[in-house]
Amino acid sequence: MSVWVLYFGACSQKELEYNKPAMYWYENILKEINFGNLEGADSNFSSLQSEHINSPLVPEAMLILAQAHMDREEYLLATFYIDEYEKRYSTIGDQDYLGYLKILANYYGFKNYAKDQEFMYRSISEIETYLETFPNSRYAPFVEYVFIKFKLGENDLNTAIANVYKRKGKKQAQEDYLSRNQDIIEGFEIKSSYIPWYVRIFNW
């Protein structure tokens, strides 16, 4: 008797996890994130998406999960959610924000310039494109900071390669890579600092 009760109780419990309102899955996602269980949050998102594909909570949950995975330093998963959101829900108004999130994920996921040269060069190119496309974005100053960090990494890489050529006695190749560093330094645009008018009054 108790076996049948246990069996049907388990079945009933399993059935409870289907056909739930979108808000149920959404709240579960938030709970799992608060508990630090991102795997559980991802699982609840799968249920939300499969049962309520047209719910406005789906894109909102995507961005929340992207940020949660970024906070956990799981940058590939963060980028996955950002890419999915961009393909399915993005508008002209949020393109700069999504681009900013992807640049951040690339930056924090970047580990070793010596091993990830292609990744570094690709990231620099993407940042340059971003700054050309969204020069007045509220996120542009943060993206510029990331750009400088990547360019400094490129500078270190060029120096390391130049040292290798120096040890091999290949002076021309060494000078070529050192000249690239000079181009990097000259390429930084130094912006004059802003001094409020009321400060200038007391310092003229």
N, C-alpha and C. Protein backbone atom coordinates (compact mmCIF):
# COMPACT_ATOMS: atom_id res chain seq x y z
N MET A 1 0.84 -1.21 0.00
CA MET A 1 0.00 0.00 0.00
C MET A 1 0.87 1.25 0.00
N SER A 2 1.88 1.26 0.90
CA SER A 2 2.74 2.44 1.00
C SER A 2 3.55 2.63 -0.27
N VAL A 3 3.89 1.52 -0.97
CA VAL A 3 4.65 1.61 -2.21
C VAL A 3 3.84 2.34 -3.27
N TRP A 4 2.53 2.00 -3.36
CA TRP A 4 1.65 2.64 -4.34
C TRP A 4 1.47 4.12 -4.02
N VAL A 5 1.35 4.42 -2.73
CA VAL A 5 1.21 5.83 -2.32
C VAL A 5 2.45 6.61 -2.72
N LEU A 6 3.63 6.00 -2.48
CA LEU A 6 4.89 6.65 -2.83
C LEU A 6 4.99 6.85 -4.33
N TYR A 7 4.58 5.82 -5.09
CA TYR A 7 4.66 5.88 -6.56
C TYR A 7 3.77 6.98 -7.12
N PHE A 8 2.50 6.97 -6.67
CA PHE A 8 1.57 7.97 -7.19
C PHE A 8 1.92 9.37 -6.67
N GLY A 9 2.49 9.42 -5.46
CA GLY A 9 2.91 10.71 -4.94
C GLY A 9 4.03 11.29 -5.76
N ALA A 10 4.97 10.41 -6.17
CA ALA A 10 6.08 10.86 -7.01
C ALA A 10 5.58 11.32 -8.36
N CYS A 11 4.63 10.58 -8.92
CA CYS A 11 4.06 10.95 -10.21
C CYS A 11 3.36 12.30 -10.13
N SER A 12 2.61 12.48 -9.01
CA SER A 12 1.89 13.74 -8.85
C SER A 12 2.86 14.90 -8.72
N GLN A 13 3.97 14.66 -7.98
CA GLN A 13 4.96 15.71 -7.81
C GLN A 13 5.60 16.07 -9.15
N LYS A 14 5.86 15.04 -9.96
CA LYS A 14 6.45 15.27 -11.28
C LYS A 14 5.51 16.06 -12.17
N GLU A 15 4.21 15.73 -12.08
CA GLU A 15 3.24 16.43 -12.90
C GLU A 15 3.13 17.90 -12.51
N LEU A 16 3.41 18.18 -11.22
CA LEU A 16 3.33 19.56 -10.77
C LEU A 16 4.37 20.45 -11.44
N GLU A 17 5.42 19.84 -11.97
CA GLU A 17 6.49 20.61 -12.59
C GLU A 17 6.25 20.86 -14.07
N TYR A 18 5.04 20.64 -14.52
CA TYR A 18 4.69 20.91 -15.91
C TYR A 18 3.47 21.83 -15.95
N ASN A 19 3.34 22.51 -17.09
CA ASN A 19 2.17 23.36 -17.31
C ASN A 19 1.98 24.41 -16.22
N LYS A 20 3.07 25.01 -15.83
CA LYS A 20 3.03 26.07 -14.82
C LYS A 20 2.96 27.44 -15.51
N PRO A 21 2.43 28.43 -14.82
CA PRO A 21 2.42 29.78 -15.39
C PRO A 21 3.84 30.29 -15.63
N ALA A 22 3.98 31.20 -16.54
CA ALA A 22 5.30 31.74 -16.86
C ALA A 22 5.96 32.37 -15.63
N MET A 23 5.16 33.03 -14.80
CA MET A 23 5.70 33.67 -13.61
C MET A 23 6.29 32.65 -12.64
N TYR A 24 5.71 31.45 -12.62
CA TYR A 24 6.23 30.40 -11.74
C TYR A 24 7.67 30.07 -12.11
N TRP A 25 7.93 29.84 -13.41
CA TRP A 25 9.28 29.50 -13.85
C TRP A 25 10.22 30.69 -13.67
N TYR A 26 9.71 31.87 -13.93
CA TYR A 26 10.53 33.07 -13.81
C TYR A 26 10.98 33.28 -12.36
N GLU A 27 10.06 33.13 -11.43
CA GLU A 27 10.41 33.28 -10.02
C GLU A 27 11.38 32.19 -9.57
N ASN A 28 11.21 30.98 -10.11
CA ASN A 28 12.14 29.90 -9.79
C ASN A 28 13.54 30.21 -10.31
N ILE A 29 13.61 30.83 -11.47
CA ILE A 29 14.91 31.23 -12.01
C ILE A 29 15.60 32.19 -11.04
N LEU A 30 14.86 33.18 -10.58
CA LEU A 30 15.42 34.16 -9.64
C LEU A 30 15.84 33.50 -8.33
N LYS A 31 15.02 32.57 -7.85
CA LYS A 31 15.35 31.87 -6.60
C LYS A 31 16.63 31.07 -6.75
N GLU A 32 16.75 30.34 -7.84
CA GLU A 32 17.95 29.51 -8.05
C GLU A 32 19.20 30.38 -8.19
N ILE A 33 19.05 31.53 -8.83
CA ILE A 33 20.19 32.44 -8.94
C ILE A 33 20.60 32.94 -7.56
N ASN A 34 19.62 33.29 -6.74
CA ASN A 34 19.91 33.75 -5.39
C ASN A 34 20.57 32.67 -4.55
N PHE A 35 20.21 31.41 -4.82
CA PHE A 35 20.81 30.29 -4.10
C PHE A 35 22.18 29.92 -4.68
N GLY A 36 22.55 30.54 -5.79
CA GLY A 36 23.82 30.22 -6.42
C GLY A 36 23.78 28.97 -7.28
N ASN A 37 22.58 28.50 -7.59
CA ASN A 37 22.41 27.29 -8.39
C ASN A 37 22.06 27.69 -9.83
N LEU A 38 23.06 28.02 -10.61
CA LEU A 38 22.80 28.47 -11.98
C LEU A 38 22.36 27.33 -12.88
N GLU A 39 22.78 26.13 -12.56
CA GLU A 39 22.31 24.98 -13.34
C GLU A 39 20.79 24.83 -13.19
N GLY A 40 20.31 25.01 -11.96
CA GLY A 40 18.88 24.96 -11.72
C GLY A 40 18.16 26.11 -12.39
N ALA A 41 18.79 27.28 -12.39
CA ALA A 41 18.20 28.44 -13.07
C ALA A 41 18.08 28.19 -14.57
N ASP A 42 19.12 27.60 -15.15
CA ASP A 42 19.09 27.27 -16.58
C ASP A 42 17.99 26.27 -16.89
N SER A 43 17.82 25.30 -15.99
CA SER A 43 16.78 24.28 -16.17
C SER A 43 15.39 24.91 -16.14
N ASN A 44 15.19 25.81 -15.19
CA ASN A 44 13.89 26.50 -15.11
C ASN A 44 13.66 27.39 -16.32
N PHE A 45 14.73 27.97 -16.84
CA PHE A 45 14.58 28.77 -18.05
C PHE A 45 14.14 27.90 -19.23
N SER A 46 14.70 26.70 -19.32
CA SER A 46 14.29 25.78 -20.39
C SER A 46 12.80 25.50 -20.32
N SER A 47 12.29 25.32 -19.09
CA SER A 47 10.86 25.08 -18.92
C SER A 47 10.04 26.31 -19.29
N LEU A 48 10.51 27.47 -18.85
CA LEU A 48 9.82 28.72 -19.19
C LEU A 48 9.74 28.89 -20.70
N GLN A 49 10.84 28.65 -21.36
CA GLN A 49 10.90 28.85 -22.80
C GLN A 49 10.05 27.84 -23.56
N SER A 50 10.09 26.59 -23.12
CA SER A 50 9.34 25.55 -23.84
C SER A 50 7.83 25.68 -23.63
N GLU A 51 7.41 26.14 -22.46
CA GLU A 51 5.98 26.23 -22.17
C GLU A 51 5.38 27.60 -22.50
N HIS A 52 6.24 28.63 -22.54
CA HIS A 52 5.71 29.99 -22.75
C HIS A 52 6.65 30.76 -23.68
N ILE A 53 6.80 30.25 -24.88
CA ILE A 53 7.78 30.81 -25.81
C ILE A 53 7.52 32.28 -26.12
N ASN A 54 6.26 32.71 -26.07
CA ASN A 54 5.92 34.09 -26.41
C ASN A 54 5.79 35.01 -25.20
N SER A 55 6.13 34.50 -24.04
CA SER A 55 6.02 35.33 -22.84
C SER A 55 7.09 36.42 -22.83
N PRO A 56 6.74 37.63 -22.43
CA PRO A 56 7.75 38.70 -22.31
C PRO A 56 8.77 38.42 -21.21
N LEU A 57 8.49 37.42 -20.37
CA LEU A 57 9.45 37.06 -19.33
C LEU A 57 10.64 36.30 -19.88
N VAL A 58 10.50 35.71 -21.07
CA VAL A 58 11.60 34.93 -21.67
C VAL A 58 12.81 35.82 -21.97
N PRO A 59 12.65 36.91 -22.73
CA PRO A 59 13.82 37.76 -22.99
C PRO A 59 14.38 38.39 -21.73
N GLU A 60 13.50 38.73 -20.79
CA GLU A 60 13.98 39.32 -19.54
C GLU A 60 14.83 38.31 -18.77
N ALA A 61 14.38 37.06 -18.75
CA ALA A 61 15.14 36.01 -18.06
C ALA A 61 16.48 35.76 -18.74
N MET A 62 16.51 35.88 -20.06
CA MET A 62 17.77 35.69 -20.80
C MET A 62 18.84 36.67 -20.34
N LEU A 63 18.47 37.94 -20.23
CA LEU A 63 19.44 38.95 -19.81
C LEU A 63 19.86 38.75 -18.36
N ILE A 64 18.93 38.34 -17.53
CA ILE A 64 19.26 38.08 -16.12
C ILE A 64 20.24 36.92 -16.02
N LEU A 65 20.00 35.87 -16.78
CA LEU A 65 20.89 34.71 -16.76
C LEU A 65 22.25 35.05 -17.36
N ALA A 66 22.26 35.89 -18.38
CA ALA A 66 23.54 36.31 -18.96
C ALA A 66 24.39 37.01 -17.91
N GLN A 67 23.77 37.91 -17.16
CA GLN A 67 24.50 38.63 -16.12
C GLN A 67 24.92 37.70 -14.99
N ALA A 68 24.06 36.76 -14.63
CA ALA A 68 24.37 35.81 -13.56
C ALA A 68 25.57 34.94 -13.93
N HIS A 69 25.61 34.46 -15.16
CA HIS A 69 26.74 33.63 -15.60
C HIS A 69 28.01 34.47 -15.71
N MET A 70 27.86 35.73 -16.06
CA MET A 70 29.04 36.59 -16.12
C MET A 70 29.61 36.80 -14.72
N ASP A 71 28.71 37.00 -13.75
CA ASP A 71 29.15 37.17 -12.36
C ASP A 71 29.85 35.92 -11.85
N ARG A 72 29.46 34.77 -12.36
CA ARG A 72 30.06 33.49 -11.96
C ARG A 72 31.32 33.19 -12.78
N GLU A 73 31.67 34.08 -13.69
CA GLU A 73 32.82 33.92 -14.59
C GLU A 73 32.62 32.77 -15.57
N GLU A 74 31.36 32.51 -15.91
CA GLU A 74 31.03 31.51 -16.93
C GLU A 74 30.68 32.28 -18.21
N TYR A 75 31.72 32.75 -18.86
CA TYR A 75 31.54 33.73 -19.93
C TYR A 75 30.98 33.13 -21.21
N LEU A 76 31.25 31.87 -21.48
CA LEU A 76 30.69 31.24 -22.67
C LEU A 76 29.17 31.15 -22.57
N LEU A 77 28.68 30.76 -21.38
CA LEU A 77 27.24 30.69 -21.18
C LEU A 77 26.61 32.08 -21.21
N ALA A 78 27.32 33.05 -20.65
CA ALA A 78 26.81 34.43 -20.68
C ALA A 78 26.66 34.90 -22.13
N THR A 79 27.68 34.63 -22.94
CA THR A 79 27.64 35.02 -24.35
C THR A 79 26.54 34.29 -25.09
N PHE A 80 26.30 33.03 -24.73
CA PHE A 80 25.22 32.26 -25.36
C PHE A 80 23.87 32.96 -25.17
N TYR A 81 23.58 33.36 -23.93
CA TYR A 81 22.30 34.02 -23.66
C TYR A 81 22.21 35.38 -24.37
N ILE A 82 23.32 36.10 -24.40
CA ILE A 82 23.31 37.40 -25.07
C ILE A 82 23.06 37.23 -26.56
N ASP A 83 23.74 36.25 -27.16
CA ASP A 83 23.57 36.00 -28.60
C ASP A 83 22.14 35.58 -28.92
N GLU A 84 21.57 34.71 -28.07
CA GLU A 84 20.19 34.27 -28.30
C GLU A 84 19.21 35.44 -28.18
N TYR A 85 19.43 36.27 -27.19
CA TYR A 85 18.57 37.45 -27.03
C TYR A 85 18.69 38.36 -28.25
N GLU A 86 19.92 38.56 -28.69
CA GLU A 86 20.15 39.45 -29.82
C GLU A 86 19.47 38.95 -31.09
N LYS A 87 19.53 37.65 -31.32
CA LYS A 87 18.93 37.07 -32.51
C LYS A 87 17.41 37.14 -32.49
N ARG A 88 16.81 37.02 -31.30
CA ARG A 88 15.37 36.86 -31.22
C ARG A 88 14.61 38.10 -30.76
N TYR A 89 15.24 38.93 -29.95
CA TYR A 89 14.46 40.00 -29.32
C TYR A 89 15.06 41.40 -29.44
N SER A 90 16.25 41.53 -29.96
CA SER A 90 16.91 42.83 -29.91
C SER A 90 16.21 43.85 -30.81
N THR A 91 16.34 45.10 -30.41
CA THR A 91 15.82 46.23 -31.19
C THR A 91 16.97 47.21 -31.41
N ILE A 92 16.71 48.21 -32.21
CA ILE A 92 17.75 49.22 -32.45
C ILE A 92 18.17 49.89 -31.14
N GLY A 93 17.21 50.04 -30.24
CA GLY A 93 17.48 50.75 -29.00
C GLY A 93 18.39 50.03 -28.03
N ASP A 94 18.51 48.71 -28.12
CA ASP A 94 19.35 47.99 -27.16
C ASP A 94 20.61 47.39 -27.78
N GLN A 95 20.91 47.74 -29.04
CA GLN A 95 22.09 47.19 -29.69
C GLN A 95 23.38 47.58 -28.97
N ASP A 96 23.44 48.82 -28.50
CA ASP A 96 24.66 49.25 -27.82
C ASP A 96 24.84 48.52 -26.50
N TYR A 97 23.74 48.25 -25.81
CA TYR A 97 23.82 47.53 -24.53
C TYR A 97 24.27 46.09 -24.74
N LEU A 98 23.71 45.42 -25.73
CA LEU A 98 24.08 44.03 -26.00
C LEU A 98 25.54 43.94 -26.44
N GLY A 99 25.95 44.88 -27.29
CA GLY A 99 27.35 44.89 -27.71
C GLY A 99 28.28 45.10 -26.54
N TYR A 100 27.88 45.97 -25.63
CA TYR A 100 28.66 46.23 -24.41
C TYR A 100 28.79 44.97 -23.56
N LEU A 101 27.69 44.24 -23.39
CA LEU A 101 27.72 43.01 -22.60
C LEU A 101 28.66 41.98 -23.21
N LYS A 102 28.62 41.84 -24.53
CA LYS A 102 29.49 40.86 -25.19
C LYS A 102 30.97 41.26 -25.08
N ILE A 103 31.23 42.54 -25.19
CA ILE A 103 32.61 43.02 -25.03
C ILE A 103 33.11 42.74 -23.62
N LEU A 104 32.25 42.97 -22.63
CA LEU A 104 32.63 42.67 -21.24
C LEU A 104 32.91 41.19 -21.06
N ALA A 105 32.05 40.34 -21.62
CA ALA A 105 32.25 38.89 -21.51
C ALA A 105 33.57 38.48 -22.15
N ASN A 106 33.89 39.06 -23.29
CA ASN A 106 35.16 38.75 -23.95
C ASN A 106 36.34 39.21 -23.10
N TYR A 107 36.20 40.40 -22.53
CA TYR A 107 37.29 40.96 -21.74
C TYR A 107 37.58 40.12 -20.49
N TYR A 108 36.53 39.82 -19.74
CA TYR A 108 36.73 39.05 -18.52
C TYR A 108 37.08 37.59 -18.80
N GLY A 109 36.69 37.10 -19.96
CA GLY A 109 37.03 35.73 -20.33
C GLY A 109 38.41 35.59 -20.92
N PHE A 110 39.07 36.71 -21.17
CA PHE A 110 40.40 36.72 -21.78
C PHE A 110 41.43 36.38 -20.71
N LYS A 111 42.24 35.36 -20.97
CA LYS A 111 43.16 34.88 -19.94
C LYS A 111 44.63 35.15 -20.27
N ASN A 112 45.05 34.80 -21.47
CA ASN A 112 46.48 34.82 -21.77
C ASN A 112 46.70 35.33 -23.19
N TYR A 113 47.28 36.53 -23.31
CA TYR A 113 47.46 37.10 -24.64
C TYR A 113 48.39 36.28 -25.51
N ALA A 114 49.33 35.56 -24.87
CA ALA A 114 50.28 34.76 -25.65
C ALA A 114 49.59 33.56 -26.29
N LYS A 115 48.53 33.05 -25.64
CA LYS A 115 47.83 31.88 -26.16
C LYS A 115 46.59 32.26 -26.96
N ASP A 116 46.05 33.44 -26.71
CA ASP A 116 44.79 33.84 -27.34
C ASP A 116 44.99 35.06 -28.23
N GLN A 117 46.01 35.03 -29.07
CA GLN A 117 46.32 36.19 -29.91
C GLN A 117 45.18 36.53 -30.86
N GLU A 118 44.66 35.51 -31.54
CA GLU A 118 43.58 35.74 -32.50
C GLU A 118 42.35 36.30 -31.80
N PHE A 119 42.06 35.76 -30.62
CA PHE A 119 40.91 36.25 -29.83
C PHE A 119 41.11 37.72 -29.47
N MET A 120 42.34 38.07 -29.08
CA MET A 120 42.63 39.45 -28.69
C MET A 120 42.46 40.40 -29.87
N TYR A 121 43.01 40.02 -31.02
CA TYR A 121 42.90 40.87 -32.21
C TYR A 121 41.44 41.02 -32.65
N ARG A 122 40.70 39.92 -32.56
CA ARG A 122 39.28 39.97 -32.95
C ARG A 122 38.50 40.88 -32.00
N SER A 123 38.81 40.78 -30.71
CA SER A 123 38.13 41.61 -29.72
C SER A 123 38.42 43.09 -29.95
N ILE A 124 39.68 43.40 -30.26
CA ILE A 124 40.05 44.79 -30.54
C ILE A 124 39.27 45.32 -31.74
N SER A 125 39.17 44.49 -32.78
CA SER A 125 38.43 44.89 -33.97
C SER A 125 36.96 45.12 -33.66
N GLU A 126 36.37 44.25 -32.84
CA GLU A 126 34.96 44.40 -32.47
C GLU A 126 34.74 45.66 -31.64
N ILE A 127 35.69 45.98 -30.77
CA ILE A 127 35.56 47.19 -29.96
C ILE A 127 35.66 48.43 -30.83
N GLU A 128 36.58 48.42 -31.78
CA GLU A 128 36.70 49.57 -32.69
C GLU A 128 35.41 49.79 -33.47
N THR A 129 34.82 48.68 -33.92
CA THR A 129 33.55 48.77 -34.64
C THR A 129 32.46 49.33 -33.74
N TYR A 130 32.44 48.87 -32.48
CA TYR A 130 31.44 49.34 -31.52
C TYR A 130 31.56 50.85 -31.32
N LEU A 131 32.79 51.32 -31.10
CA LEU A 131 32.99 52.74 -30.82
C LEU A 131 32.68 53.61 -32.03
N GLU A 132 32.87 53.06 -33.23
CA GLU A 132 32.50 53.80 -34.44
C GLU A 132 30.98 53.85 -34.61
N THR A 133 30.33 52.75 -34.22
CA THR A 133 28.88 52.65 -34.39
C THR A 133 28.11 53.39 -33.31
N PHE A 134 28.62 53.32 -32.07
CA PHE A 134 27.90 53.93 -30.93
C PHE A 134 28.82 54.91 -30.18
N PRO A 135 29.29 55.95 -30.84
CA PRO A 135 30.23 56.87 -30.17
C PRO A 135 29.63 57.62 -28.99
N ASN A 136 28.32 57.78 -29.00
CA ASN A 136 27.66 58.55 -27.94
C ASN A 136 26.90 57.67 -26.94
N SER A 137 27.14 56.38 -26.99
CA SER A 137 26.47 55.48 -26.07
C SER A 137 26.91 55.73 -24.63
N ARG A 138 26.01 55.52 -23.70
CA ARG A 138 26.36 55.66 -22.29
C ARG A 138 27.41 54.64 -21.87
N TYR A 139 27.53 53.56 -22.65
CA TYR A 139 28.50 52.51 -22.33
C TYR A 139 29.85 52.73 -22.99
N ALA A 140 29.95 53.74 -23.87
CA ALA A 140 31.19 53.98 -24.62
C ALA A 140 32.41 54.18 -23.71
N PRO A 141 32.31 54.94 -22.60
CA PRO A 141 33.49 55.11 -21.74
C PRO A 141 33.99 53.79 -21.16
N PHE A 142 33.08 52.89 -20.82
CA PHE A 142 33.49 51.59 -20.29
C PHE A 142 34.14 50.74 -21.38
N VAL A 143 33.59 50.83 -22.59
CA VAL A 143 34.15 50.09 -23.72
C VAL A 143 35.53 50.64 -24.06
N GLU A 144 35.72 51.94 -23.96
CA GLU A 144 37.02 52.54 -24.22
C GLU A 144 38.06 52.04 -23.22
N TYR A 145 37.64 51.87 -21.98
CA TYR A 145 38.55 51.32 -20.96
C TYR A 145 38.98 49.91 -21.33
N VAL A 146 38.03 49.08 -21.75
CA VAL A 146 38.34 47.72 -22.17
C VAL A 146 39.27 47.74 -23.38
N PHE A 147 39.01 48.68 -24.30
CA PHE A 147 39.85 48.82 -25.48
C PHE A 147 41.30 49.09 -25.10
N ILE A 148 41.50 50.00 -24.15
CA ILE A 148 42.86 50.32 -23.70
C ILE A 148 43.53 49.10 -23.09
N LYS A 149 42.77 48.33 -22.30
CA LYS A 149 43.34 47.13 -21.68
C LYS A 149 43.77 46.11 -22.73
N PHE A 150 42.95 45.94 -23.76
CA PHE A 150 43.32 45.01 -24.84
C PHE A 150 44.54 45.53 -25.60
N LYS A 151 44.59 46.84 -25.85
CA LYS A 151 45.73 47.40 -26.58
C LYS A 151 47.01 47.30 -25.77
N LEU A 152 46.91 47.43 -24.46
CA LEU A 152 48.08 47.23 -23.61
C LEU A 152 48.53 45.77 -23.66
N GLY A 153 47.57 44.86 -23.75
CA GLY A 153 47.91 43.45 -23.93
C GLY A 153 48.61 43.22 -25.25
N GLU A 154 48.13 43.90 -26.30
CA GLU A 154 48.79 43.80 -27.61
C GLU A 154 50.21 44.36 -27.52
N ASN A 155 50.37 45.44 -26.77
CA ASN A 155 51.69 46.04 -26.56
C ASN A 155 52.64 45.04 -25.89
N ASP A 156 52.16 44.36 -24.86
CA ASP A 156 52.98 43.35 -24.17
C ASP A 156 53.34 42.21 -25.10
N LEU A 157 52.38 41.81 -25.92
CA LEU A 157 52.63 40.71 -26.86
C LEU A 157 53.70 41.11 -27.87
N ASN A 158 53.60 42.31 -28.41
CA ASN A 158 54.61 42.78 -29.37
C ASN A 158 55.99 42.85 -28.74
N THR A 159 56.06 43.28 -27.48
CA THR A 159 57.33 43.35 -26.77
C THR A 159 57.93 41.96 -26.60
N ALA A 160 57.08 40.99 -26.24
CA ALA A 160 57.55 39.61 -26.06
C ALA A 160 58.07 39.04 -27.38
N ILE A 161 57.36 39.31 -28.47
CA ILE A 161 57.80 38.81 -29.78
C ILE A 161 59.10 39.50 -30.20
N ALA A 162 59.20 40.81 -29.94
CA ALA A 162 60.42 41.55 -30.27
C ALA A 162 61.62 40.98 -29.52
N ASN A 163 61.42 40.60 -28.27
CA ASN A 163 62.51 40.01 -27.48
C ASN A 163 62.95 38.67 -28.04
N VAL A 164 61.99 37.91 -28.56
CA VAL A 164 62.34 36.63 -29.18
C VAL A 164 63.23 36.87 -30.40
N TYR A 165 62.85 37.83 -31.24
CA TYR A 165 63.65 38.14 -32.42
C TYR A 165 65.02 38.72 -32.04
N LYS A 166 65.06 39.45 -30.93
CA LYS A 166 66.33 40.00 -30.46
C LYS A 166 67.30 38.88 -30.09
N ARG A 167 66.79 37.87 -29.40
CA ARG A 167 67.64 36.74 -29.01
C ARG A 167 68.12 35.96 -30.23
N LYS A 168 67.32 35.98 -31.29
CA LYS A 168 67.69 35.27 -32.51
C LYS A 168 68.55 36.13 -33.44
N GLY A 169 68.81 37.37 -33.02
CA GLY A 169 69.65 38.24 -33.83
C GLY A 169 68.96 38.82 -35.05
N LYS A 170 67.63 38.81 -35.07
CA LYS A 170 66.86 39.34 -36.21
C LYS A 170 66.41 40.76 -35.86
N LYS A 171 67.32 41.69 -36.10
CA LYS A 171 67.10 43.07 -35.68
C LYS A 171 65.93 43.72 -36.41
N GLN A 172 65.80 43.47 -37.71
CA GLN A 172 64.74 44.10 -38.48
C GLN A 172 63.36 43.70 -37.97
N ALA A 173 63.20 42.40 -37.70
CA ALA A 173 61.92 41.91 -37.17
C ALA A 173 61.66 42.48 -35.78
N GLN A 174 62.72 42.58 -34.98
CA GLN A 174 62.58 43.16 -33.65
C GLN A 174 62.09 44.60 -33.73
N GLU A 175 62.71 45.38 -34.60
CA GLU A 175 62.34 46.78 -34.74
C GLU A 175 60.91 46.93 -35.28
N ASP A 176 60.53 45.99 -36.13
CA ASP A 176 59.17 46.03 -36.68
C ASP A 176 58.13 45.93 -35.57
N TYR A 177 58.33 44.98 -34.64
CA TYR A 177 57.35 44.81 -33.56
C TYR A 177 57.42 45.94 -32.55
N LEU A 178 58.61 46.49 -32.33
CA LEU A 178 58.71 47.63 -31.42
C LEU A 178 58.04 48.87 -32.03
N SER A 179 58.12 49.00 -33.35
CA SER A 179 57.46 50.14 -34.01
C SER A 179 55.94 50.01 -33.91
N ARG A 180 55.45 48.78 -33.87
CA ARG A 180 54.01 48.58 -33.70
C ARG A 180 53.56 49.12 -32.34
N ASN A 181 54.41 48.96 -31.34
CA ASN A 181 54.07 49.49 -30.02
C ASN A 181 54.00 51.01 -30.05
N GLN A 182 54.90 51.62 -30.82
CA GLN A 182 54.87 53.08 -30.94
C GLN A 182 53.57 53.53 -31.60
N ASP A 183 53.12 52.76 -32.58
CA ASP A 183 51.85 53.07 -33.24
C ASP A 183 50.68 52.95 -32.26
N ILE A 184 50.76 51.94 -31.37
CA ILE A 184 49.71 51.76 -30.37
C ILE A 184 49.64 52.96 -29.44
N ILE A 185 50.81 53.40 -28.96
CA ILE A 185 50.86 54.53 -28.03
C ILE A 185 50.36 55.80 -28.70
N GLU A 186 50.79 56.02 -29.94
CA GLU A 186 50.36 57.22 -30.66
C GLU A 186 48.88 57.16 -31.02
N GLY A 187 48.35 55.95 -31.07
CA GLY A 187 46.94 55.79 -31.45
C GLY A 187 45.97 56.11 -30.33
N PHE A 188 46.47 56.18 -29.09
CA PHE A 188 45.59 56.53 -27.98
C PHE A 188 45.22 58.01 -28.07
N GLU A 189 43.95 58.27 -28.03
CA GLU A 189 43.46 59.65 -28.09
C GLU A 189 43.33 60.18 -26.68
N ILE A 190 44.17 61.14 -26.35
CA ILE A 190 44.14 61.73 -25.01
C ILE A 190 43.10 62.84 -24.99
N LYS A 191 42.09 62.67 -24.16
CA LYS A 191 41.02 63.66 -24.06
C LYS A 191 41.32 64.63 -22.93
N SER A 192 41.15 65.92 -23.19
CA SER A 192 41.37 66.91 -22.15
C SER A 192 40.33 66.75 -21.06
N SER A 193 40.78 66.94 -19.82
CA SER A 193 39.87 66.77 -18.70
C SER A 193 38.90 67.95 -18.64
N TYR A 194 37.73 67.66 -18.14
CA TYR A 194 36.69 68.69 -18.04
C TYR A 194 36.79 69.39 -16.69
N ILE A 195 36.88 70.72 -16.72
CA ILE A 195 36.93 71.51 -15.49
C ILE A 195 35.67 72.37 -15.43
N PRO A 196 34.84 72.18 -14.42
CA PRO A 196 33.60 72.97 -14.31
C PRO A 196 33.89 74.46 -14.28
N TRP A 197 32.95 75.26 -14.76
CA TRP A 197 33.14 76.71 -14.83
C TRP A 197 33.38 77.33 -13.47
N TYR A 198 32.73 76.77 -12.43
CA TYR A 198 32.86 77.37 -11.10
C TYR A 198 34.22 77.08 -10.48
N VAL A 199 34.90 76.05 -11.00
CA VAL A 199 36.27 75.79 -10.55
C VAL A 199 37.24 76.72 -11.26
N ARG A 200 36.97 76.96 -12.56
CA ARG A 200 37.84 77.84 -13.33
C ARG A 200 37.84 79.27 -12.78
N ILE A 201 36.70 79.69 -12.23
CA ILE A 201 36.60 81.04 -11.68
C ILE A 201 37.64 81.27 -10.59
N PHE A 202 37.85 80.23 -9.76
CA PHE A 202 38.77 80.38 -8.63
C PHE A 202 40.20 80.01 -8.98
N ASN A 203 40.44 79.67 -10.24
CA ASN A 203 41.79 79.26 -10.63
C ASN A 203 42.29 80.03 -11.86
N TRP A 204 41.68 81.17 -12.15
CA TRP A 204 42.10 81.91 -13.36
C TRP A 204 43.18 82.93 -13.03
